[in-house]
N, C-alpha and C. Protein backbone atom coordinates (compact mmCIF):
# COMPACT_ATOMS: atom_id res chain seq x y z
N MET A 1 94.37 46.64 77.73
CA MET A 1 94.39 46.85 79.17
C MET A 1 95.83 46.80 79.65
N LEU A 2 96.08 47.61 80.65
CA LEU A 2 97.40 47.63 81.27
C LEU A 2 97.31 47.09 82.68
N PHE A 3 98.25 46.27 83.05
CA PHE A 3 98.37 45.80 84.41
C PHE A 3 99.76 46.16 84.89
N ALA A 4 99.84 47.09 85.83
CA ALA A 4 101.14 47.55 86.30
C ALA A 4 100.99 48.15 87.69
N ASP A 5 102.09 48.17 88.43
CA ASP A 5 102.10 48.82 89.74
C ASP A 5 102.11 50.33 89.59
N ASP A 6 102.78 50.83 88.56
CA ASP A 6 102.87 52.27 88.30
C ASP A 6 102.12 52.56 87.01
N VAL A 7 100.81 52.77 87.12
CA VAL A 7 99.95 52.95 85.94
C VAL A 7 100.34 54.16 85.10
N PRO A 8 100.58 55.34 85.69
CA PRO A 8 100.99 56.47 84.84
C PRO A 8 102.24 56.18 84.00
N LYS A 9 103.22 55.57 84.62
CA LYS A 9 104.45 55.24 83.89
C LYS A 9 104.17 54.22 82.79
N ALA A 10 103.31 53.25 83.06
CA ALA A 10 102.96 52.24 82.06
C ALA A 10 102.23 52.87 80.88
N ILE A 11 101.33 53.82 81.15
CA ILE A 11 100.61 54.50 80.07
C ILE A 11 101.58 55.29 79.20
N ILE A 12 102.48 56.03 79.84
CA ILE A 12 103.45 56.83 79.10
C ILE A 12 104.39 55.94 78.28
N ASN A 13 104.88 54.86 78.89
CA ASN A 13 105.79 53.95 78.17
C ASN A 13 105.09 53.28 76.99
N THR A 14 103.82 52.92 77.16
CA THR A 14 103.06 52.32 76.07
C THR A 14 102.85 53.32 74.94
N ALA A 15 102.53 54.56 75.29
CA ALA A 15 102.35 55.60 74.28
C ALA A 15 103.64 55.82 73.49
N LYS A 16 104.77 55.85 74.18
CA LYS A 16 106.06 56.02 73.50
C LYS A 16 106.38 54.83 72.61
N ALA A 17 106.14 53.62 73.11
CA ALA A 17 106.45 52.41 72.34
C ALA A 17 105.61 52.32 71.07
N ARG A 18 104.41 52.87 71.11
CA ARG A 18 103.52 52.84 69.94
C ARG A 18 103.61 54.11 69.11
N ALA A 19 104.58 54.96 69.42
CA ALA A 19 104.83 56.21 68.70
C ALA A 19 103.59 57.11 68.67
N CYS A 20 102.88 57.17 69.78
CA CYS A 20 101.70 58.03 69.88
C CYS A 20 102.12 59.50 69.96
N THR A 21 101.27 60.37 69.49
CA THR A 21 101.56 61.80 69.53
C THR A 21 100.71 62.50 70.59
N MET A 22 99.76 61.79 71.20
CA MET A 22 98.91 62.37 72.24
C MET A 22 98.33 61.25 73.11
N ILE A 23 98.15 61.56 74.38
CA ILE A 23 97.47 60.65 75.31
C ILE A 23 96.11 61.26 75.60
N VAL A 24 95.05 60.47 75.45
CA VAL A 24 93.70 60.94 75.72
C VAL A 24 93.16 60.17 76.92
N LEU A 25 92.72 60.91 77.94
CA LEU A 25 92.17 60.30 79.15
C LEU A 25 90.71 60.71 79.31
N GLY A 26 89.87 59.77 79.65
CA GLY A 26 88.47 60.06 79.92
C GLY A 26 88.28 60.32 81.41
N LEU A 27 87.42 61.26 81.73
CA LEU A 27 87.14 61.59 83.12
C LEU A 27 85.78 61.02 83.52
N THR A 28 85.63 60.73 84.80
CA THR A 28 84.34 60.30 85.32
C THR A 28 83.48 61.52 85.61
N ALA A 29 82.25 61.32 85.99
CA ALA A 29 81.37 62.43 86.33
C ALA A 29 81.90 63.23 87.51
N ARG A 30 82.74 62.63 88.30
CA ARG A 30 83.33 63.31 89.46
C ARG A 30 84.57 64.12 89.09
N GLY A 31 84.96 64.08 87.81
CA GLY A 31 86.11 64.85 87.36
C GLY A 31 87.43 64.13 87.53
N ARG A 32 87.34 62.85 87.89
CA ARG A 32 88.56 62.06 88.07
C ARG A 32 88.82 61.22 86.83
N SER A 33 90.06 60.88 86.64
CA SER A 33 90.45 60.02 85.53
C SER A 33 89.73 58.68 85.67
N ASN A 34 89.16 58.18 84.59
CA ASN A 34 88.36 56.96 84.61
C ASN A 34 89.16 55.76 85.10
N GLY A 35 88.68 55.12 86.16
CA GLY A 35 89.30 53.92 86.68
C GLY A 35 90.58 54.15 87.45
N SER A 36 90.84 55.35 87.87
CA SER A 36 92.08 55.60 88.59
C SER A 36 91.89 56.65 89.67
N SER A 37 92.90 56.78 90.49
CA SER A 37 92.85 57.79 91.54
C SER A 37 93.11 59.17 90.94
N PRO A 38 92.69 60.24 91.62
CA PRO A 38 92.87 61.58 91.06
C PRO A 38 94.32 61.93 90.73
N GLY A 39 95.26 61.37 91.47
CA GLY A 39 96.67 61.69 91.25
C GLY A 39 97.26 61.09 90.00
N ARG A 40 96.62 60.07 89.44
CA ARG A 40 97.19 59.40 88.26
C ARG A 40 97.15 60.30 87.04
N ALA A 41 96.04 60.98 86.81
CA ALA A 41 95.96 61.89 85.66
C ALA A 41 97.00 62.99 85.80
N THR A 42 97.14 63.52 87.00
CA THR A 42 98.13 64.57 87.26
C THR A 42 99.54 64.04 87.01
N ALA A 43 99.82 62.83 87.45
CA ALA A 43 101.15 62.24 87.24
C ALA A 43 101.44 62.06 85.76
N ILE A 44 100.43 61.66 84.98
CA ILE A 44 100.62 61.49 83.54
C ILE A 44 100.88 62.84 82.89
N ILE A 45 100.09 63.84 83.25
CA ILE A 45 100.27 65.18 82.67
C ILE A 45 101.66 65.72 82.97
N ARG A 46 102.12 65.55 84.18
CA ARG A 46 103.43 66.09 84.57
C ARG A 46 104.60 65.32 83.98
N SER A 47 104.43 64.03 83.74
CA SER A 47 105.54 63.20 83.28
C SER A 47 105.62 63.03 81.78
N ALA A 48 104.51 63.19 81.09
CA ALA A 48 104.48 62.93 79.65
C ALA A 48 105.23 64.01 78.88
N ASP A 49 105.91 63.59 77.82
CA ASP A 49 106.58 64.54 76.94
C ASP A 49 105.78 64.74 75.66
N MET A 50 104.48 64.46 75.74
CA MET A 50 103.54 64.65 74.64
C MET A 50 102.27 65.26 75.22
N PRO A 51 101.42 65.84 74.39
CA PRO A 51 100.18 66.44 74.91
C PRO A 51 99.27 65.39 75.55
N VAL A 52 98.55 65.81 76.57
CA VAL A 52 97.57 64.96 77.25
C VAL A 52 96.23 65.68 77.19
N LEU A 53 95.22 65.02 76.64
CA LEU A 53 93.88 65.60 76.51
C LEU A 53 92.96 64.92 77.52
N LEU A 54 92.30 65.71 78.36
CA LEU A 54 91.33 65.19 79.32
C LEU A 54 89.94 65.48 78.80
N CYS A 55 89.13 64.44 78.63
CA CYS A 55 87.77 64.59 78.11
C CYS A 55 86.77 64.39 79.25
N PRO A 56 85.84 65.35 79.43
CA PRO A 56 84.85 65.20 80.48
C PRO A 56 83.88 64.05 80.19
N ALA A 57 83.27 63.52 81.25
CA ALA A 57 82.40 62.36 81.13
C ALA A 57 81.21 62.61 80.23
N ASN A 58 80.69 63.82 80.22
CA ASN A 58 79.48 64.10 79.44
C ASN A 58 79.79 64.67 78.06
N TRP A 59 81.02 64.61 77.62
CA TRP A 59 81.42 65.18 76.33
C TRP A 59 80.86 64.35 75.19
N THR A 60 80.25 65.00 74.22
CA THR A 60 79.65 64.30 73.09
C THR A 60 80.22 64.75 71.76
N GLY A 61 81.30 65.51 71.81
CA GLY A 61 81.90 66.03 70.59
C GLY A 61 82.63 64.97 69.79
N THR A 62 83.19 65.38 68.69
CA THR A 62 83.98 64.48 67.85
C THR A 62 85.42 64.99 67.81
N MET A 63 86.31 64.10 67.48
CA MET A 63 87.72 64.47 67.35
C MET A 63 88.07 64.41 65.87
N ILE A 64 88.70 65.45 65.39
CA ILE A 64 89.10 65.48 64.00
C ILE A 64 90.60 65.39 63.89
């Protein structure tokens, strides 16, 4: 869990610190990023220097 005033920046910094190659965000049934305001997913997508994958709430696929 992350606790920060600037959640998008905290997610990106954590991904960089852990040498991640992709950020995966889950969406709610309303199409918003899970547990955040609609602008947070957009801020992450615009600020990240790595791919960002948005998964819909009803997605049942697998990741390979």
